[in-house]
Protein backbone atom coordinates (compact mmCIF):
# COMPACT_ATOMS: atom_id res chain seq x y z
CA MET A 1 -169.58 180.54 133.42
CA PRO A 2 -169.46 179.46 129.73
CA GLN A 3 -171.36 176.30 130.63
CA GLU A 4 -173.86 178.32 132.66
CA TYR A 5 -174.46 180.63 129.69
CA GLU A 6 -174.95 177.66 127.34
CA GLU A 7 -177.44 176.15 129.79
CA PHE A 8 -179.23 179.51 129.97
CA ILE A 9 -179.62 179.81 126.19
CA ARG A 10 -180.89 176.21 125.94
CA ASN A 11 -183.43 176.88 128.70
CA ILE A 12 -184.55 180.13 127.09
CA LYS A 13 -185.05 178.36 123.76
CA THR A 14 -187.18 175.72 125.48
CA LEU A 15 -189.19 178.32 127.38
CA THR A 16 -189.68 180.95 124.67
CA GLY A 17 -188.61 179.46 121.34
CA ILE A 18 -185.99 182.21 120.99
CA ASP A 19 -182.59 180.82 119.98
CA LEU A 20 -180.01 183.16 121.50
CA ALA A 21 -177.26 180.94 120.08
CA LEU A 22 -177.91 182.54 116.69
CA TYR A 23 -176.46 185.84 117.92
CA LYS A 24 -172.85 186.83 118.58
CA GLU A 25 -172.02 185.24 121.92
CA GLY A 26 -169.92 188.07 123.33
CA GLN A 27 -172.47 190.72 122.47
CA MET A 28 -175.38 188.66 123.80
CA LYS A 29 -173.56 187.82 127.04
CA ARG A 30 -172.83 191.51 127.67
CA ARG A 31 -176.43 192.46 126.97
CA LEU A 32 -177.84 189.74 129.21
CA THR A 33 -175.32 190.32 131.99
CA SER A 34 -176.17 194.01 132.01
CA LEU A 35 -179.86 193.17 132.14
CA TYR A 36 -179.64 190.67 134.99
CA GLU A 37 -177.17 192.74 137.02
CA LYS A 38 -179.53 195.72 136.74
CA ARG A 39 -182.15 193.60 138.49
CA GLY A 40 -179.70 192.41 141.16
CA TYR A 41 -179.04 188.85 139.95
CA HIS A 42 -175.55 187.37 140.15
CA SER A 43 -175.75 184.55 137.61
CA PHE A 44 -177.54 183.29 134.52
CA ARG A 45 -179.05 180.47 136.61
CA GLU A 46 -180.48 182.87 139.16
CA TYR A 47 -181.85 185.08 136.38
CA HIS A 48 -183.40 182.16 134.49
CA LYS A 49 -185.08 180.86 137.64
CA ASP A 50 -186.87 184.19 138.05
CA ILE A 51 -187.70 184.42 134.33
CA GLN A 52 -189.56 181.13 134.75
CA THR A 53 -191.56 182.23 137.78
CA ASN A 54 -191.99 185.99 137.46
CA PRO A 55 -194.04 187.21 134.47
CA GLU A 56 -192.73 190.76 134.92
CA VAL A 57 -189.13 189.57 134.56
CA LEU A 58 -190.04 187.36 131.58
CA ASN A 59 -191.79 190.26 129.84
CA GLU A 60 -188.87 192.59 130.44
CA PHE A 61 -186.50 189.94 129.06
CA LEU A 62 -188.65 189.43 125.95
CA ASP A 63 -188.97 193.16 125.41
CA ARG A 64 -185.21 193.64 125.59
CA MET A 65 -184.23 190.58 123.54
CA THR A 66 -186.72 190.88 120.72
CA ILE A 67 -187.60 193.60 118.27
CA ASN A 68 -190.96 193.96 116.64
CA VAL A 69 -190.28 194.12 112.93
CA SER A 70 -192.92 193.75 110.31
CA GLU A 71 -191.63 191.26 107.80
CA PHE A 72 -194.18 192.48 105.27
CA TYR A 73 -191.97 195.38 104.23
CA ARG A 74 -188.89 193.17 103.92
CA ASN A 75 -190.47 190.36 101.93
CA ALA A 76 -190.40 190.92 98.16
CA LYS A 77 -192.93 188.14 97.51
CA ARG A 78 -195.56 190.02 99.50
CA TRP A 79 -195.02 193.13 97.39
CA GLU A 80 -195.43 191.02 94.23
CA VAL A 81 -198.76 189.67 95.46
CA LEU A 82 -199.89 193.21 96.24
CA GLU A 83 -198.78 194.48 92.85
CA ARG A 84 -200.02 191.60 90.68
CA LYS A 85 -203.14 190.35 92.45
CA ILE A 86 -204.56 192.75 94.97
CA LEU A 87 -204.10 196.16 93.34
CA PRO A 88 -205.33 195.10 89.87
CA GLY A 89 -208.43 193.61 91.49
CA LEU A 90 -209.07 196.81 93.38
CA LEU A 91 -208.64 198.93 90.26
CA VAL A 92 -211.03 196.75 88.21
CA SER A 93 -213.70 196.85 90.92
CA LYS A 94 -213.32 200.63 91.25
CA LYS A 95 -213.96 201.15 87.49
CA SER A 96 -217.20 199.18 87.64
């Protein structure tokens, strides 16, 4: 099974660009196993085959494996641009 999991994460990276190898292996395996067993699959290979051919399964996988986080709020450089370039420009134009 370890080899099957490694094959699965390589295939997912090729298909989606998501590198599951960056996450804790044990935690990711449990999460994925729970997800594929819920749908009635018995292996990573079987699950991956359906991910490739069934858009509903792919979308469910992507929804469960990714989180939608806005990097804007976590990126200090963006706040600096807002503070030093955008806001001063807005304030000057408002005074005119």
